[in-house]
Protein backbone atom coordinates (compact mmCIF):
# COMPACT_ATOMS: atom_id res chain seq x y z
CA UNK A 1 140.34 -154.26 -67.10
CA UNK A 2 136.89 -154.68 -65.61
CA UNK A 3 136.58 -157.07 -62.66
CA UNK A 4 135.01 -160.45 -63.23
CA UNK A 5 131.31 -160.80 -62.64
CA UNK A 6 132.19 -163.14 -59.81
CA UNK A 7 134.44 -160.68 -58.01
CA UNK A 8 131.90 -158.16 -56.81
CA UNK A 9 134.05 -156.93 -53.93
CA UNK A 10 131.02 -157.22 -51.61
CA UNK A 11 131.89 -160.59 -50.14
CA UNK A 12 133.33 -164.04 -50.88
CA UNK A 13 133.60 -165.29 -54.46
CA UNK A 14 130.61 -167.00 -56.02
CA UNK A 15 130.59 -170.77 -55.35
CA UNK A 16 129.96 -173.12 -58.24
CA UNK A 17 129.87 -176.81 -59.00
CA UNK A 18 131.27 -177.96 -62.36
CA UNK A 19 129.49 -180.63 -64.41
CA UNK A 20 130.73 -182.59 -67.43
CA UNK A 21 128.85 -185.09 -69.59
CA UNK A 22 130.75 -187.89 -71.34
CA UNK A 23 128.90 -189.39 -74.32
CA UNK A 24 129.62 -192.13 -76.84
CA UNK A 25 130.18 -189.48 -79.50
CA UNK A 26 132.81 -187.67 -77.42
CA UNK A 27 134.58 -190.98 -76.75
CA UNK A 28 134.68 -191.80 -80.47
CA UNK A 29 136.09 -188.35 -81.15
CA UNK A 30 139.00 -189.15 -78.82
CA UNK A 31 138.19 -186.35 -76.38
CA UNK A 32 139.73 -186.54 -72.91
CA UNK A 33 136.89 -185.59 -70.52
CA UNK A 34 139.15 -185.32 -67.48
CA UNK A 35 141.49 -182.87 -69.17
CA UNK A 36 138.53 -180.88 -70.48
CA UNK A 37 137.05 -180.70 -66.99
CA UNK A 38 140.42 -179.61 -65.59
CA UNK A 39 140.46 -176.82 -68.14
CA UNK A 40 136.92 -175.82 -67.10
CA UNK A 41 138.24 -175.48 -63.54
CA UNK A 42 140.92 -173.10 -64.85
CA UNK A 43 138.32 -171.11 -66.77
CA UNK A 44 136.11 -170.81 -63.68
CA UNK A 45 139.03 -169.73 -61.50
CA UNK A 46 140.08 -167.20 -64.15
CA UNK A 47 136.59 -165.73 -63.90
CA UNK A 48 136.93 -165.51 -60.11
CA UNK A 49 134.65 -168.41 -59.20
CA UNK A 50 135.26 -170.60 -56.14
CA UNK A 51 135.02 -174.17 -57.44
CA UNK A 52 133.24 -176.25 -54.81
CA UNK A 53 133.40 -179.58 -56.62
CA UNK A 54 133.17 -181.39 -59.95
CA UNK A 55 130.75 -184.01 -61.25
CA UNK A 56 131.18 -186.25 -64.30
CA UNK A 57 128.24 -188.13 -65.82
CA UNK A 58 128.37 -190.91 -68.44
CA UNK A 59 125.50 -191.31 -70.91
CA UNK A 60 125.05 -192.70 -74.40
CA UNK A 61 123.55 -189.40 -75.56
CA UNK A 62 122.63 -186.14 -73.79
CA UNK A 63 119.17 -186.04 -72.23
CA UNK A 64 117.05 -183.65 -74.32
CA UNK A 65 115.35 -182.19 -71.23
CA UNK A 66 117.83 -182.46 -68.36
CA UNK A 67 121.09 -182.90 -70.34
CA UNK A 68 122.62 -185.15 -67.62
CA UNK A 69 119.42 -187.08 -66.99
CA UNK A 70 116.68 -186.74 -64.37
CA UNK A 71 118.45 -188.88 -61.75
CA UNK A 72 121.74 -186.99 -61.96
CA UNK A 73 119.85 -183.70 -61.87
CA UNK A 74 118.28 -184.80 -58.57
CA UNK A 75 121.77 -185.62 -57.19
CA UNK A 76 123.02 -182.19 -58.23
CA UNK A 77 120.03 -180.56 -56.55
CA UNK A 78 120.90 -182.22 -53.23
CA UNK A 79 124.58 -181.25 -53.50
CA UNK A 80 123.71 -177.64 -54.33
CA UNK A 81 121.25 -177.41 -51.44
CA UNK A 82 123.61 -178.97 -48.87
CA UNK A 83 126.67 -176.88 -49.87
CA UNK A 84 124.90 -173.58 -50.45
CA UNK A 85 126.06 -173.38 -54.07
CA UNK A 86 124.63 -170.63 -56.27
CA UNK A 87 125.79 -171.74 -59.72
CA UNK A 88 126.27 -174.89 -61.80
CA UNK A 89 128.69 -174.62 -64.73
CA UNK A 90 128.46 -177.23 -67.50
CA UNK A 91 131.43 -178.20 -69.66
CA UNK A 92 129.27 -178.49 -72.78
CA UNK A 93 126.90 -176.10 -74.55
CA UNK A 94 123.28 -176.23 -73.39
CA UNK A 95 120.08 -175.34 -75.21
CA UNK A 96 117.77 -172.66 -73.90
CA UNK A 97 115.20 -175.29 -72.87
CA UNK A 98 117.84 -177.30 -70.97
CA UNK A 99 118.98 -174.17 -69.13
CA UNK A 100 115.39 -173.33 -68.15
CA UNK A 101 114.61 -176.88 -66.99
CA UNK A 102 117.82 -177.20 -64.97
CA UNK A 103 117.33 -173.80 -63.33
CA UNK A 104 113.83 -174.74 -62.22
CA UNK A 105 114.94 -178.15 -60.97
CA UNK A 106 118.19 -177.15 -59.23
CA UNK A 107 117.08 -173.68 -58.08
CA UNK A 108 120.48 -172.39 -59.18
CA UNK A 109 121.97 -170.33 -61.97
CA UNK A 110 122.99 -172.50 -64.96
CA UNK A 111 125.98 -171.52 -67.10
CA UNK A 112 127.56 -173.52 -69.93
CA UNK A 113 131.14 -173.46 -71.19
CA UNK A 114 130.38 -171.01 -73.99
CA UNK A 115 128.78 -168.46 -71.69
CA UNK A 116 131.66 -168.79 -69.23
CA UNK A 117 134.21 -168.04 -71.96
CA UNK A 118 132.12 -165.11 -73.19
CA UNK A 119 132.01 -163.74 -69.65
CA UNK A 120 135.82 -163.92 -69.37
CA UNK A 121 136.22 -162.24 -72.76
CA UNK A 122 133.86 -159.46 -71.70
CA UNK A 123 136.21 -158.66 -68.84
CA UNK A 124 139.34 -158.77 -70.99
CA UNK A 125 138.26 -156.58 -73.94
CA UNK A 126 139.76 -153.10 -73.77
CA UNK A 127 139.82 -151.66 -77.28
CA UNK A 128 136.70 -150.52 -79.11
CA UNK A 129 137.03 -153.39 -81.57
CA UNK A 130 137.35 -155.97 -78.81
CA UNK A 131 134.33 -154.63 -76.91
CA UNK A 132 132.21 -154.63 -80.06
CA UNK A 133 133.27 -158.18 -80.93
CA UNK A 134 132.46 -159.51 -77.47
CA UNK A 135 129.06 -157.84 -77.40
CA UNK A 136 128.25 -159.26 -80.83
CA UNK A 137 129.24 -162.76 -79.70
CA UNK A 138 127.19 -162.43 -76.49
CA UNK A 139 124.04 -161.29 -78.26
CA UNK A 140 124.39 -163.86 -81.05
CA UNK A 141 124.70 -166.57 -78.38
CA UNK A 142 121.84 -165.29 -76.23
CA UNK A 143 119.31 -164.49 -78.95
CA UNK A 144 118.02 -168.08 -79.44
CA UNK A 145 118.21 -168.69 -75.67
CA UNK A 146 116.21 -165.75 -74.34
CA UNK A 147 113.47 -168.06 -73.10
CA UNK A 148 115.99 -169.89 -70.94
CA UNK A 149 117.53 -166.85 -69.24
CA UNK A 150 114.99 -166.32 -66.46
CA UNK A 151 117.30 -166.37 -63.46
CA UNK A 152 120.13 -164.67 -65.30
CA UNK A 153 117.89 -161.78 -66.34
CA UNK A 154 116.67 -161.38 -62.78
CA UNK A 155 120.24 -161.01 -61.52
CA UNK A 156 121.50 -158.18 -63.70
CA UNK A 157 124.39 -156.31 -62.12
CA UNK A 158 126.20 -159.19 -60.43
CA UNK A 159 127.18 -162.77 -61.08
CA UNK A 160 128.31 -164.96 -63.93
CA UNK A 161 126.69 -164.54 -67.30
CA UNK A 162 125.19 -161.15 -66.50
CA UNK A 163 128.11 -158.92 -67.28
CA UNK A 164 129.17 -157.36 -70.54
CA UNK A 165 128.48 -154.57 -72.98
CA UNK A 166 125.14 -156.05 -74.03
CA UNK A 167 123.79 -157.07 -70.64
CA UNK A 168 121.10 -154.37 -70.40
CA UNK A 169 119.74 -155.46 -73.80
CA UNK A 170 118.73 -158.94 -72.62
CA UNK A 171 115.33 -157.84 -71.31
CA UNK A 172 114.32 -156.31 -74.65
CA UNK A 173 112.50 -158.24 -77.34
CA UNK A 174 114.22 -160.21 -80.08
CA UNK A 175 113.60 -157.50 -82.64
CA UNK A 176 115.53 -154.96 -80.57
CA UNK A 177 118.42 -157.41 -80.10
CA UNK A 178 118.51 -158.16 -83.83
CA UNK A 179 118.70 -154.42 -84.52
CA UNK A 180 121.59 -154.16 -82.08
CA UNK A 181 123.38 -157.09 -83.75
CA UNK A 182 122.99 -155.39 -87.14
CA UNK A 183 124.38 -152.16 -85.72
CA UNK A 184 127.36 -153.98 -84.16
CA UNK A 185 128.13 -155.68 -87.46
CA UNK A 186 128.02 -152.32 -89.23
CA UNK A 187 130.42 -150.77 -86.71
CA UNK A 188 132.74 -153.77 -86.92
CA UNK A 189 132.82 -153.53 -90.72
CA UNK A 190 134.14 -149.99 -90.32
CA UNK A 191 136.77 -151.11 -87.80
CA UNK A 192 137.70 -154.08 -89.98
CA UNK A 193 138.12 -151.83 -93.01
CA UNK A 194 140.45 -149.62 -90.98
CA UNK A 195 142.49 -152.66 -89.92
CA UNK A 196 142.62 -153.91 -93.51
CA UNK A 197 143.90 -150.51 -94.63
CA UNK A 198 146.77 -150.79 -92.16
CA UNK A 199 147.54 -154.28 -93.47
CA UNK A 200 147.65 -153.02 -97.05
CA UNK A 201 149.97 -150.18 -96.06
CA UNK A 202 152.31 -152.65 -94.37
CA UNK A 203 152.31 -154.80 -97.51
CA UNK A 204 153.09 -151.85 -99.78
CA UNK A 205 156.02 -150.80 -97.61
CA UNK A 206 157.33 -154.36 -97.67
CA UNK A 207 156.90 -154.82 -93.92
CA UNK A 208 157.42 -158.43 -92.88
CA UNK A 209 154.82 -159.72 -90.42
CA UNK A 210 155.28 -162.39 -87.75
CA UNK A 211 152.31 -163.57 -85.68
CA UNK A 212 152.35 -165.28 -82.29
CA UNK A 213 149.64 -167.93 -82.19
CA UNK A 214 148.91 -170.67 -79.70
CA UNK A 215 146.73 -171.97 -76.94
CA UNK A 216 145.68 -169.57 -74.24
CA UNK A 217 148.25 -169.19 -71.44
CA UNK A 218 151.05 -170.67 -73.56
CA UNK A 219 153.19 -167.56 -72.94
CA UNK A 220 152.66 -165.54 -76.15
CA UNK A 221 152.37 -162.18 -74.39
CA UNK A 222 155.43 -162.93 -72.27
CA UNK A 223 157.44 -163.69 -75.41
CA UNK A 224 156.24 -160.42 -76.96
CA UNK A 225 157.42 -158.56 -73.87
CA UNK A 226 160.80 -160.28 -73.81
CA UNK A 227 161.49 -159.88 -77.53
CA UNK A 228 160.26 -156.30 -78.02
CA UNK A 229 160.03 -154.78 -74.51
CA UNK A 230 156.32 -154.27 -75.20
CA UNK A 231 154.21 -152.96 -72.33
CA UNK A 232 151.54 -155.67 -72.44
CA UNK A 233 149.86 -157.66 -69.69
CA UNK A 234 151.44 -161.07 -69.09
CA UNK A 235 149.83 -163.18 -66.38
CA UNK A 236 149.52 -166.89 -65.59
CA UNK A 237 145.82 -166.83 -66.48
CA UNK A 238 143.65 -167.95 -69.37
CA UNK A 239 142.99 -165.13 -71.83
CA UNK A 240 145.12 -162.64 -69.87
CA UNK A 241 145.23 -160.53 -73.03
CA UNK A 242 142.51 -160.33 -75.65
CA UNK A 243 143.21 -157.47 -78.02
CA UNK A 244 146.04 -157.98 -80.55
CA UNK A 245 149.24 -156.00 -80.00
CA UNK A 246 151.88 -155.32 -82.67
CA UNK A 247 155.45 -154.20 -81.97
CA UNK A 248 158.61 -153.77 -84.02
CA UNK A 249 161.08 -156.65 -83.66
CA UNK A 250 164.74 -156.17 -84.60
CA UNK A 251 166.46 -159.30 -85.92
CA UNK A 252 170.20 -160.01 -85.46
CA UNK A 253 170.90 -158.79 -89.00
CA UNK A 254 169.34 -155.43 -88.14
CA UNK A 255 166.24 -156.09 -90.24
CA UNK A 256 163.01 -154.95 -88.56
CA UNK A 257 159.80 -156.96 -88.73
CA UNK A 258 156.35 -156.56 -87.19
CA UNK A 259 155.55 -159.01 -84.36
CA UNK A 260 151.85 -159.39 -83.44
CA UNK A 261 150.38 -161.14 -80.40
CA UNK A 262 146.98 -162.68 -81.21
CA UNK A 263 144.17 -163.89 -78.96
CA UNK A 264 144.76 -167.33 -77.48
CA UNK A 265 142.86 -170.39 -78.69
CA UNK A 266 141.00 -172.93 -76.58
CA UNK A 267 139.24 -176.20 -77.33
CA UNK A 268 135.52 -175.87 -78.00
CA UNK A 269 136.02 -172.17 -78.65
CA UNK A 270 132.50 -170.80 -79.20
CA UNK A 271 131.71 -170.55 -82.92
CA UNK A 272 130.08 -167.16 -82.35
CA UNK A 273 133.33 -165.95 -80.81
CA UNK A 274 135.46 -167.29 -83.67
CA UNK A 275 133.16 -165.51 -86.13
CA UNK A 276 133.21 -162.25 -84.16
CA UNK A 277 136.99 -162.27 -83.77
CA UNK A 278 137.73 -163.36 -87.32
CA UNK A 279 139.07 -159.91 -88.26
CA UNK A 280 141.46 -160.04 -85.32
CA UNK A 281 142.51 -163.62 -85.94
CA UNK A 282 143.18 -162.81 -89.59
CA UNK A 283 146.42 -161.20 -88.40
CA UNK A 284 147.65 -164.79 -88.38
CA UNK A 285 146.40 -165.36 -91.92
CA UNK A 286 148.26 -162.27 -93.20
CA UNK A 287 151.55 -163.11 -91.48
CA UNK A 288 154.69 -164.17 -93.34
CA UNK A 289 155.64 -166.45 -90.45
CA UNK A 290 153.67 -167.99 -87.57
CA UNK A 291 155.29 -168.62 -84.20
CA UNK A 292 153.15 -171.42 -82.77
CA UNK A 293 153.79 -171.17 -79.03
CA UNK A 294 153.24 -174.37 -77.02
CA UNK A 295 153.20 -174.65 -73.23
CA UNK A 296 155.72 -177.47 -72.69
CA UNK A 297 154.69 -177.82 -69.04
CA UNK A 298 151.02 -178.55 -69.78
CA UNK A 299 149.85 -182.18 -69.62
CA UNK A 300 147.34 -181.22 -72.34
CA UNK A 301 149.99 -179.86 -74.72
CA UNK A 302 149.38 -182.42 -77.52
CA UNK A 303 145.66 -181.71 -77.54
CA UNK A 304 146.33 -177.97 -77.36
CA UNK A 305 148.55 -178.17 -80.47
CA UNK A 306 145.75 -179.97 -82.31
CA UNK A 307 143.22 -177.30 -81.32
CA UNK A 308 145.47 -174.50 -82.61
CA UNK A 309 146.04 -176.31 -85.90
CA UNK A 310 142.28 -176.83 -86.24
CA UNK A 311 141.48 -173.14 -85.71
CA UNK A 312 144.28 -172.09 -88.08
CA UNK A 313 142.78 -174.42 -90.67
CA UNK A 314 139.38 -172.73 -90.24
CA UNK A 315 141.08 -169.37 -90.84
CA UNK A 316 142.87 -170.62 -93.95
CA UNK A 317 146.31 -170.25 -92.34
CA UNK A 318 147.18 -173.92 -91.96
CA UNK A 319 149.82 -173.90 -94.71
CA UNK A 320 151.70 -170.84 -93.45
CA UNK A 321 155.45 -171.14 -92.71
CA UNK A 322 155.53 -172.00 -89.02
CA UNK A 323 158.12 -172.25 -86.28
CA UNK A 324 157.02 -174.29 -83.26
CA UNK A 325 158.17 -172.58 -80.07
CA UNK A 326 158.08 -175.00 -77.14
CA UNK A 327 157.91 -172.49 -74.30
CA UNK A 328 158.22 -172.93 -70.51
CA UNK A 329 160.86 -175.66 -70.76
CA UNK A 330 162.08 -174.59 -67.31
CA UNK A 331 158.67 -175.50 -65.85
CA UNK A 332 158.49 -178.72 -67.89
CA UNK A 333 161.89 -179.87 -66.62
CA UNK A 334 160.65 -179.46 -63.05
CA UNK A 335 157.89 -182.01 -63.70
CA UNK A 336 157.80 -185.57 -64.96
CA UNK A 337 156.84 -184.37 -68.44
CA UNK A 338 159.48 -185.20 -71.08
CA UNK A 339 160.83 -182.29 -73.09
CA UNK A 340 159.48 -182.05 -76.62
CA UNK A 341 162.04 -182.58 -79.36
CA UNK A 342 163.38 -179.68 -81.36
CA UNK A 343 164.20 -179.75 -85.05
CA UNK A 344 164.41 -177.57 -88.15
CA UNK A 345 160.88 -176.27 -87.54
CA UNK A 346 160.89 -176.26 -83.74
CA UNK A 347 162.83 -174.71 -80.89
CA UNK A 348 162.71 -175.15 -77.11
CA UNK A 349 162.89 -171.98 -75.03
CA UNK A 350 162.25 -170.36 -71.71
CA UNK A 351 160.93 -166.84 -72.20
CA UNK A 352 163.05 -165.69 -69.26
CA UNK A 353 166.36 -166.94 -70.69
CA UNK A 354 168.23 -164.26 -72.67
CA UNK A 355 170.24 -166.97 -74.44
CA UNK A 356 167.05 -168.71 -75.54
CA UNK A 357 165.62 -165.42 -76.79
CA UNK A 358 168.78 -164.78 -78.83
CA UNK A 359 168.49 -168.27 -80.32
CA UNK A 360 164.83 -167.67 -81.09
CA UNK A 361 165.66 -164.44 -82.93
CA UNK A 362 168.20 -166.25 -85.06
CA UNK A 363 165.71 -169.00 -85.89
CA UNK A 364 163.08 -166.39 -86.86
CA UNK A 365 165.63 -164.73 -89.12
CA UNK A 366 166.53 -168.04 -90.76
CA UNK A 367 162.85 -168.76 -91.41
CA UNK A 368 162.14 -165.33 -92.83
CA UNK A 369 165.28 -164.56 -94.76
CA UNK A 370 166.39 -168.02 -95.83
CA UNK A 371 169.86 -169.52 -96.01
CA UNK A 372 172.96 -167.64 -97.09
CA UNK A 373 173.57 -167.68 -100.86
CA UNK A 374 176.11 -166.12 -103.19
CA UNK A 375 175.50 -164.44 -106.53
CA UNK A 376 178.02 -163.65 -109.28
CA UNK A 377 176.42 -160.92 -111.41
CA UNK A 378 177.92 -159.02 -114.39
CA UNK A 379 178.88 -155.59 -113.12
CA UNK A 380 177.02 -154.02 -116.04
CA UNK A 381 173.71 -155.58 -114.94
CA UNK A 382 172.59 -153.00 -112.41
CA UNK A 383 169.01 -154.26 -112.77
CA UNK A 384 170.01 -157.67 -111.41
CA UNK A 385 171.88 -156.09 -108.50
CA UNK A 386 168.81 -154.00 -107.65
CA UNK A 387 166.62 -157.12 -107.82
CA UNK A 388 168.98 -158.96 -105.46
CA UNK A 389 168.61 -156.17 -102.92
CA UNK A 390 164.82 -156.34 -103.23
CA UNK A 391 164.36 -160.11 -102.81
CA UNK A 392 167.20 -160.76 -100.36
CA UNK A 393 169.07 -159.38 -97.41
CA UNK A 394 172.52 -158.44 -98.80
CA UNK A 395 175.24 -158.98 -96.22
CA UNK A 396 178.38 -158.43 -98.28
CA UNK A 397 179.23 -156.91 -101.68
CA UNK A 398 182.56 -157.21 -103.53
CA UNK A 399 183.85 -156.43 -107.01
CA UNK A 400 186.01 -158.83 -109.03
CA UNK A 401 187.01 -157.68 -112.51
CA UNK A 402 183.76 -157.33 -114.45
CA UNK A 403 181.72 -159.17 -111.85
CA UNK A 404 179.77 -158.17 -108.75
CA UNK A 405 179.91 -160.74 -105.92
CA UNK A 406 177.01 -160.63 -103.43
CA UNK A 407 176.59 -162.63 -100.22
CA UNK A 408 172.98 -162.53 -99.13
CA UNK A 409 170.06 -164.34 -97.55
CA UNK A 410 167.40 -165.32 -100.06
CA UNK A 411 163.91 -165.99 -98.79
CA UNK A 412 162.68 -169.07 -100.70
CA UNK A 413 159.15 -167.66 -101.19
CA UNK A 414 160.38 -164.28 -102.46
CA UNK A 415 162.97 -165.97 -104.64
CA UNK A 416 160.35 -168.22 -106.21
CA UNK A 417 158.01 -165.29 -106.89
CA UNK A 418 160.41 -162.55 -107.98
CA UNK A 419 163.94 -163.90 -108.22
CA UNK A 420 163.81 -166.01 -111.39
CA UNK A 421 166.28 -163.79 -113.30
CA UNK A 422 168.87 -164.33 -110.52
CA UNK A 423 168.89 -168.12 -110.66
CA UNK A 424 171.52 -168.42 -113.47
CA UNK A 425 173.92 -166.30 -111.40
CA UNK A 426 173.58 -168.18 -108.10
CA UNK A 427 176.84 -169.91 -107.19
CA UNK A 428 176.61 -171.77 -103.89
CA UNK A 429 175.10 -171.55 -100.42
CA UNK A 430 177.19 -171.49 -97.31
CA UNK A 431 177.48 -170.40 -93.72
CA UNK A 432 177.27 -166.77 -92.70
CA UNK A 433 180.72 -165.21 -93.23
CA UNK A 434 182.60 -164.64 -89.99
CA UNK A 435 181.74 -161.26 -88.52
CA UNK A 436 178.70 -160.94 -90.76
CA UNK A 437 176.10 -162.25 -88.24
CA UNK A 438 174.90 -158.77 -87.28
CA UNK A 439 176.36 -156.65 -90.09
CA UNK A 440 173.97 -155.35 -92.69
CA UNK A 441 174.56 -153.03 -95.62
């Protein structure tokens, strides 16, 4: 992993002041500006910035020239001068003209939330696909803002907003950048086609796919490590992992499924980044089951759940079978936050509890394979027996006169699509037979 643009190793971390604008529109939308600003602090610290203070400004609408208004810009200028601050980071997206005006007025580098997230992503991408996607998002974001990048372009090689695969392209003309964007899209189409081919192969082999989705730093990578012993980075940082990782997960019945860790979501995720990472995020859209991981210890957990649902809706995965995994309950119990309730579609876990992980595996199996059912099939109907093995997970088989008795788990979706001929022979559902929890034919 490349170091952050802030962590040059040549001295102390870059000092920055964080600025947030609260407007009437954001209030009507129900946004919580304090929580958003707290998240911006986390983003800045993840990037290696030393946060020297925060400022919140209230206005009816953003100022077209100064964003926060001329008076507040003057206050920021005095604060920056007195504290020796090099950078101002804004919690909202700025236009190129606003960046240029603020840089000239404050005599400091101006970065908005989108550029900060792009900078973090540039340091996290490790695979070829991830690097291409980040560069595409950076150039798509910067293209209409080239006229407002004066100070950034003069500081190539160090500092926020100047790092990434496409950084040396920023001094070229728009035509050259457009050519580069076209080339990146062409390369990504090739990578995407390769990924799609793998998906089709998994479908043809009947591989069941489970995707970990959730807000950044909810503990998805930690769960992947605990469930599959995967060698992936798991840190208490935003966007600790960027590139998707898939590993084989063995369920209690012995059935093997594919578990994939996807990139974390965040509110106000840059649209350019969502578009660039659509191929990666489509792992969630192709999954048979989504594990929506929620950080139970976060005071922003309700808003974080909404953000994830919103992004899943944009990807067309909102209606997927989902199991809510309320993670970090050990950390939540140590605070004043009440524990979130469980239920048929939710489970509370600590990733570091082996008992909780065993319970989670059983819940995943129940979601994927369905409840236990029993079939009474004529022994002469070998076609029906073969169909039962295809659409269900057969746990026990017995013969009784001219009948074949099968105890199996029937996935409701598979049963609805393929299992129609079995319906007349279904007797009753029931608990897993004693001793059958881990036995599989």
